[in-house]
PDB file of all heavy atoms in Angstrom:
ATOM      1  N   MET A   1      -4.904   7.183 -10.795  1.00  0.00           N
ATOM      2  CA  MET A   1      -3.479   7.051 -11.159  1.00  0.00           C
ATOM      3  C   MET A   1      -2.849   5.951 -10.301  1.00  0.00           C
ATOM      4  O   MET A   1      -3.045   5.913  -9.086  1.00  0.00           O
ATOM      5  CB  MET A   1      -2.749   8.382 -10.927  1.00  0.00           C
ATOM      6  CG  MET A   1      -1.282   8.362 -11.324  1.00  0.00           C
ATOM      7  SD  MET A   1      -0.515   9.983 -11.132  1.00  0.00           S
ATOM      8  CE  MET A   1       1.156   9.597 -11.620  1.00  0.00           C
ATOM      9  N   PRO A   2      -2.100   4.998 -10.902  1.00  0.00           N
ATOM     10  CA  PRO A   2      -1.496   3.924 -10.122  1.00  0.00           C
ATOM     11  C   PRO A   2      -0.530   4.447  -9.064  1.00  0.00           C
ATOM     12  O   PRO A   2       0.134   5.475  -9.250  1.00  0.00           O
ATOM     13  CB  PRO A   2      -0.762   3.103 -11.183  1.00  0.00           C
ATOM     14  CG  PRO A   2      -1.415   3.445 -12.476  1.00  0.00           C
ATOM     15  CD  PRO A   2      -1.839   4.872 -12.345  1.00  0.00           C
ATOM     16  N   VAL A   3      -0.440   3.720  -7.958  1.00  0.00           N
ATOM     17  CA  VAL A   3       0.505   4.015  -6.892  1.00  0.00           C
ATOM     18  C   VAL A   3       1.565   2.921  -6.922  1.00  0.00           C
ATOM     19  O   VAL A   3       1.242   1.735  -6.853  1.00  0.00           O
ATOM     20  CB  VAL A   3      -0.187   4.043  -5.522  1.00  0.00           C
ATOM     21  CG1 VAL A   3       0.830   4.292  -4.415  1.00  0.00           C
ATOM     22  CG2 VAL A   3      -1.287   5.096  -5.493  1.00  0.00           C
ATOM     23  N   ALA A   4       2.843   3.310  -7.063  1.00  0.00           N
ATOM     24  CA  ALA A   4       3.926   2.334  -7.207  1.00  0.00           C
ATOM     25  C   ALA A   4       5.005   2.621  -6.182  1.00  0.00           C
ATOM     26  O   ALA A   4       5.142   3.730  -5.669  1.00  0.00           O
ATOM     27  CB  ALA A   4       4.497   2.382  -8.624  1.00  0.00           C
ATOM     28  N   GLY A   5       5.786   1.582  -5.895  1.00  0.00           N
ATOM     29  CA  GLY A   5       6.874   1.771  -4.939  1.00  0.00           C
ATOM     30  C   GLY A   5       7.711   0.519  -4.800  1.00  0.00           C
ATOM     31  O   GLY A   5       7.558  -0.453  -5.540  1.00  0.00           O
ATOM     32  N   ASP A   6       8.592   0.550  -3.823  1.00  0.00           N
ATOM     33  CA  ASP A   6       9.519  -0.534  -3.549  1.00  0.00           C
ATOM     34  C   ASP A   6       9.258  -1.038  -2.135  1.00  0.00           C
ATOM     35  O   ASP A   6       9.102  -0.238  -1.208  1.00  0.00           O
ATOM     36  CB  ASP A   6      10.962  -0.018  -3.680  1.00  0.00           C
ATOM     37  CG  ASP A   6      11.983  -1.143  -3.679  1.00  0.00           C
ATOM     38  OD1 ASP A   6      12.083  -1.831  -2.650  1.00  0.00           O
ATOM     39  OD2 ASP A   6      12.668  -1.317  -4.693  1.00  0.00           O
ATOM     40  N   LEU A   7       9.229  -2.367  -1.956  1.00  0.00           N
ATOM     41  CA  LEU A   7       8.912  -2.931  -0.648  1.00  0.00           C
ATOM     42  C   LEU A   7      10.013  -2.703   0.375  1.00  0.00           C
ATOM     43  O   LEU A   7       9.785  -2.916   1.569  1.00  0.00           O
ATOM     44  CB  LEU A   7       8.636  -4.434  -0.784  1.00  0.00           C
ATOM     45  CG  LEU A   7       7.370  -4.817  -1.559  1.00  0.00           C
ATOM     46  CD1 LEU A   7       7.241  -6.321  -1.660  1.00  0.00           C
ATOM     47  CD2 LEU A   7       6.136  -4.216  -0.905  1.00  0.00           C
ATOM     48  N   THR A   8      11.192  -2.280  -0.055  1.00  0.00           N
ATOM     49  CA  THR A   8      12.231  -1.957   0.918  1.00  0.00           C
ATOM     50  C   THR A   8      12.026  -0.575   1.520  1.00  0.00           C
ATOM     51  O   THR A   8      12.527  -0.275   2.597  1.00  0.00           O
ATOM     52  CB  THR A   8      13.624  -2.020   0.263  1.00  0.00           C
ATOM     53  OG1 THR A   8      13.651  -1.129  -0.866  1.00  0.00           O
ATOM     54  CG2 THR A   8      13.937  -3.426  -0.188  1.00  0.00           C
ATOM     55  N   SER A   9      11.269   0.279   0.838  1.00  0.00           N
ATOM     56  CA  SER A   9      10.985   1.618   1.365  1.00  0.00           C
ATOM     57  C   SER A   9       9.584   1.719   1.951  1.00  0.00           C
ATOM     58  O   SER A   9       9.343   2.502   2.860  1.00  0.00           O
ATOM     59  CB  SER A   9      11.166   2.680   0.271  1.00  0.00           C
ATOM     60  OG  SER A   9      10.344   2.380  -0.849  1.00  0.00           O
ATOM     61  N   MET A  10       8.644   0.941   1.431  1.00  0.00           N
ATOM     62  CA  MET A  10       7.287   0.871   1.983  1.00  0.00           C
ATOM     63  C   MET A  10       6.939  -0.604   2.096  1.00  0.00           C
ATOM     64  O   MET A  10       6.769  -1.289   1.093  1.00  0.00           O
ATOM     65  CB  MET A  10       6.286   1.594   1.085  1.00  0.00           C
ATOM     66  CG  MET A  10       4.897   1.674   1.674  1.00  0.00           C
ATOM     67  SD  MET A  10       3.781   2.670   0.639  1.00  0.00           S
ATOM     68  CE  MET A  10       2.291   2.671   1.667  1.00  0.00           C
ATOM     69  N   SER A  11       6.869  -1.109   3.312  1.00  0.00           N
ATOM     70  CA  SER A  11       6.728  -2.540   3.520  1.00  0.00           C
ATOM     71  C   SER A  11       5.361  -3.039   3.077  1.00  0.00           C
ATOM     72  O   SER A  11       4.392  -2.282   2.981  1.00  0.00           O
ATOM     73  CB  SER A  11       6.938  -2.885   4.995  1.00  0.00           C
ATOM     74  OG  SER A  11       5.852  -2.384   5.772  1.00  0.00           O
ATOM     75  N   LEU A  12       5.286  -4.340   2.822  1.00  0.00           N
ATOM     76  CA  LEU A  12       4.021  -4.955   2.422  1.00  0.00           C
ATOM     77  C   LEU A  12       2.930  -4.734   3.469  1.00  0.00           C
ATOM     78  O   LEU A  12       1.793  -4.379   3.108  1.00  0.00           O
ATOM     79  CB  LEU A  12       4.223  -6.449   2.163  1.00  0.00           C
ATOM     80  CG  LEU A  12       2.964  -7.238   1.823  1.00  0.00           C
ATOM     81  CD1 LEU A  12       2.358  -6.770   0.509  1.00  0.00           C
ATOM     82  CD2 LEU A  12       3.272  -8.734   1.774  1.00  0.00           C
ATOM     83  N   PRO A  13       3.186  -4.913   4.779  1.00  0.00           N
ATOM     84  CA  PRO A  13       2.129  -4.631   5.757  1.00  0.00           C
ATOM     85  C   PRO A  13       1.626  -3.196   5.688  1.00  0.00           C
ATOM     86  O   PRO A  13       0.415  -2.957   5.821  1.00  0.00           O
ATOM     87  CB  PRO A  13       2.813  -4.920   7.108  1.00  0.00           C
ATOM     88  CG  PRO A  13       3.866  -5.928   6.777  1.00  0.00           C
ATOM     89  CD  PRO A  13       4.372  -5.544   5.424  1.00  0.00           C
ATOM     90  N   ASP A  14       2.532  -2.237   5.454  1.00  0.00           N
ATOM     91  CA  ASP A  14       2.096  -0.844   5.345  1.00  0.00           C
ATOM     92  C   ASP A  14       1.194  -0.643   4.131  1.00  0.00           C
ATOM     93  O   ASP A  14       0.180   0.057   4.200  1.00  0.00           O
ATOM     94  CB  ASP A  14       3.310   0.086   5.246  1.00  0.00           C
ATOM     95  CG  ASP A  14       4.075   0.184   6.559  1.00  0.00           C
ATOM     96  OD1 ASP A  14       3.481  -0.142   7.601  1.00  0.00           O
ATOM     97  OD2 ASP A  14       5.255   0.577   6.523  1.00  0.00           O
ATOM     98  N   VAL A  15       1.568  -1.266   3.000  1.00  0.00           N
ATOM     99  CA  VAL A  15       0.761  -1.134   1.780  1.00  0.00           C
ATOM    100  C   VAL A  15      -0.620  -1.729   2.001  1.00  0.00           C
ATOM    101  O   VAL A  15      -1.647  -1.110   1.689  1.00  0.00           O
ATOM    102  CB  VAL A  15       1.468  -1.830   0.590  1.00  0.00           C
ATOM    103  CG1 VAL A  15       0.576  -1.812  -0.645  1.00  0.00           C
ATOM    104  CG2 VAL A  15       2.800  -1.160   0.285  1.00  0.00           C
ATOM    105  N   MET A  16      -0.665  -2.944   2.565  1.00  0.00           N
ATOM    106  CA  MET A  16      -1.946  -3.620   2.740  1.00  0.00           C
ATOM    107  C   MET A  16      -2.809  -2.913   3.778  1.00  0.00           C
ATOM    108  O   MET A  16      -4.040  -2.833   3.640  1.00  0.00           O
ATOM    109  CB  MET A  16      -1.712  -5.079   3.117  1.00  0.00           C
ATOM    110  CG  MET A  16      -1.010  -5.871   2.034  1.00  0.00           C
ATOM    111  SD  MET A  16      -0.838  -7.635   2.390  1.00  0.00           S
ATOM    112  CE  MET A  16      -2.508  -8.182   2.117  1.00  0.00           C
ATOM    113  N   GLN A  17      -2.188  -2.392   4.822  1.00  0.00           N
ATOM    114  CA  GLN A  17      -2.962  -1.667   5.841  1.00  0.00           C
ATOM    115  C   GLN A  17      -3.598  -0.419   5.236  1.00  0.00           C
ATOM    116  O   GLN A  17      -4.767  -0.102   5.523  1.00  0.00           O
ATOM    117  CB  GLN A  17      -2.045  -1.292   6.998  1.00  0.00           C
ATOM    118  CG  GLN A  17      -2.799  -0.698   8.201  1.00  0.00           C
ATOM    119  CD  GLN A  17      -1.891  -0.545   9.394  1.00  0.00           C
ATOM    120  OE1 GLN A  17      -0.735  -0.130   9.264  1.00  0.00           O
ATOM    121  NE2 GLN A  17      -2.387  -0.885  10.564  1.00  0.00           N
ATOM    122  N   TRP A  18      -2.874   0.281   4.386  1.00  0.00           N
ATOM    123  CA  TRP A  18      -3.420   1.466   3.722  1.00  0.00           C
ATOM    124  C   TRP A  18      -4.609   1.087   2.841  1.00  0.00           C
ATOM    125  O   TRP A  18      -5.659   1.751   2.867  1.00  0.00           O
ATOM    126  CB  TRP A  18      -2.327   2.140   2.886  1.00  0.00           C
ATOM    127  CG  TRP A  18      -2.855   3.155   1.926  1.00  0.00           C
ATOM    128  CD1 TRP A  18      -3.493   4.325   2.233  1.00  0.00           C
ATOM    129  CD2 TRP A  18      -2.819   3.073   0.495  1.00  0.00           C
ATOM    130  NE1 TRP A  18      -3.850   4.985   1.076  1.00  0.00           N
ATOM    131  CE2 TRP A  18      -3.449   4.241  -0.002  1.00  0.00           C
ATOM    132  CE3 TRP A  18      -2.307   2.159  -0.412  1.00  0.00           C
ATOM    133  CZ2 TRP A  18      -3.588   4.496  -1.365  1.00  0.00           C
ATOM    134  CZ3 TRP A  18      -2.427   2.409  -1.759  1.00  0.00           C
ATOM    135  CH2 TRP A  18      -3.066   3.558  -2.226  1.00  0.00           C
ATOM    136  N   LEU A  19      -4.470  -0.003   2.084  1.00  0.00           N
ATOM    137  CA  LEU A  19      -5.551  -0.423   1.196  1.00  0.00           C
ATOM    138  C   LEU A  19      -6.786  -0.839   1.992  1.00  0.00           C
ATOM    139  O   LEU A  19      -7.923  -0.557   1.589  1.00  0.00           O
ATOM    140  CB  LEU A  19      -5.085  -1.595   0.321  1.00  0.00           C
ATOM    141  CG  LEU A  19      -3.971  -1.268  -0.683  1.00  0.00           C
ATOM    142  CD1 LEU A  19      -3.465  -2.540  -1.348  1.00  0.00           C
ATOM    143  CD2 LEU A  19      -4.456  -0.285  -1.735  1.00  0.00           C
ATOM    144  N   GLY A  20      -6.554  -1.490   3.135  1.00  0.00           N
ATOM    145  CA  GLY A  20      -7.684  -1.912   3.947  1.00  0.00           C
ATOM    146  C   GLY A  20      -8.384  -0.746   4.617  1.00  0.00           C
ATOM    147  O   GLY A  20      -9.619  -0.636   4.585  1.00  0.00           O
ATOM    148  N   GLN A  21      -7.620   0.135   5.222  1.00  0.00           N
ATOM    149  CA  GLN A  21      -8.213   1.266   5.940  1.00  0.00           C
ATOM    150  C   GLN A  21      -8.908   2.238   4.992  1.00  0.00           C
ATOM    151  O   GLN A  21      -9.943   2.821   5.348  1.00  0.00           O
ATOM    152  CB  GLN A  21      -7.133   1.982   6.742  1.00  0.00           C
ATOM    153  CG  GLN A  21      -6.623   1.181   7.932  1.00  0.00           C
ATOM    154  CD  GLN A  21      -5.531   1.893   8.698  1.00  0.00           C
ATOM    155  OE1 GLN A  21      -4.938   2.876   8.225  1.00  0.00           O
ATOM    156  NE2 GLN A  21      -5.223   1.393   9.890  1.00  0.00           N
ATOM    157  N   ALA A  22      -8.359   2.404   3.784  1.00  0.00           N
ATOM    158  CA  ALA A  22      -8.972   3.301   2.804  1.00  0.00           C
ATOM    159  C   ALA A  22     -10.103   2.623   2.022  1.00  0.00           C
ATOM    160  O   ALA A  22     -10.710   3.256   1.156  1.00  0.00           O
ATOM    161  CB  ALA A  22      -7.905   3.814   1.831  1.00  0.00           C
ATOM    162  N   ARG A  23     -10.376   1.351   2.336  1.00  0.00           N
ATOM    163  CA  ARG A  23     -11.437   0.575   1.683  1.00  0.00           C
ATOM    164  C   ARG A  23     -11.299   0.637   0.157  1.00  0.00           C
ATOM    165  O   ARG A  23     -12.256   0.905  -0.576  1.00  0.00           O
ATOM    166  CB  ARG A  23     -12.822   1.062   2.132  1.00  0.00           C
ATOM    167  CG  ARG A  23     -13.068   0.874   3.624  1.00  0.00           C
ATOM    168  CD  ARG A  23     -14.433   1.425   4.038  1.00  0.00           C
ATOM    169  NE  ARG A  23     -15.512   0.739   3.333  1.00  0.00           N
ATOM    170  CZ  ARG A  23     -16.031  -0.422   3.729  1.00  0.00           C
ATOM    171  NH1 ARG A  23     -15.545  -1.039   4.800  1.00  0.00           N
ATOM    172  NH2 ARG A  23     -17.022  -0.966   3.058  1.00  0.00           N
ATOM    173  N   LYS A  24     -10.086   0.382  -0.308  1.00  0.00           N
ATOM    174  CA  LYS A  24      -9.793   0.481  -1.730  1.00  0.00           C
ATOM    175  C   LYS A  24     -10.336  -0.724  -2.508  1.00  0.00           C
ATOM    176  O   LYS A  24     -10.437  -1.838  -1.992  1.00  0.00           O
ATOM    177  CB  LYS A  24      -8.281   0.574  -1.945  1.00  0.00           C
ATOM    178  CG  LYS A  24      -7.642   1.873  -1.458  1.00  0.00           C
ATOM    179  CD  LYS A  24      -8.012   3.033  -2.370  1.00  0.00           C
ATOM    180  CE  LYS A  24      -7.237   4.290  -2.020  1.00  0.00           C
ATOM    181  NZ  LYS A  24      -7.558   5.413  -2.934  1.00  0.00           N
ATOM    182  N   THR A  25     -10.656  -0.480  -3.769  1.00  0.00           N
ATOM    183  CA  THR A  25     -11.022  -1.524  -4.717  1.00  0.00           C
ATOM    184  C   THR A  25     -10.047  -1.446  -5.886  1.00  0.00           C
ATOM    185  O   THR A  25      -9.863  -0.374  -6.469  1.00  0.00           O
ATOM    186  CB  THR A  25     -12.464  -1.340  -5.227  1.00  0.00           C
ATOM    187  OG1 THR A  25     -13.374  -1.494  -4.138  1.00  0.00           O
ATOM    188  CG2 THR A  25     -12.787  -2.367  -6.307  1.00  0.00           C
TER     189      THR A  25
END
């Protein structure tokens, strides 16, 4: 299921860090 949000509530660094640490594809 897609994960969606707004960069004012979840910053770009937080999003990218989550994707990197979770080893997402």
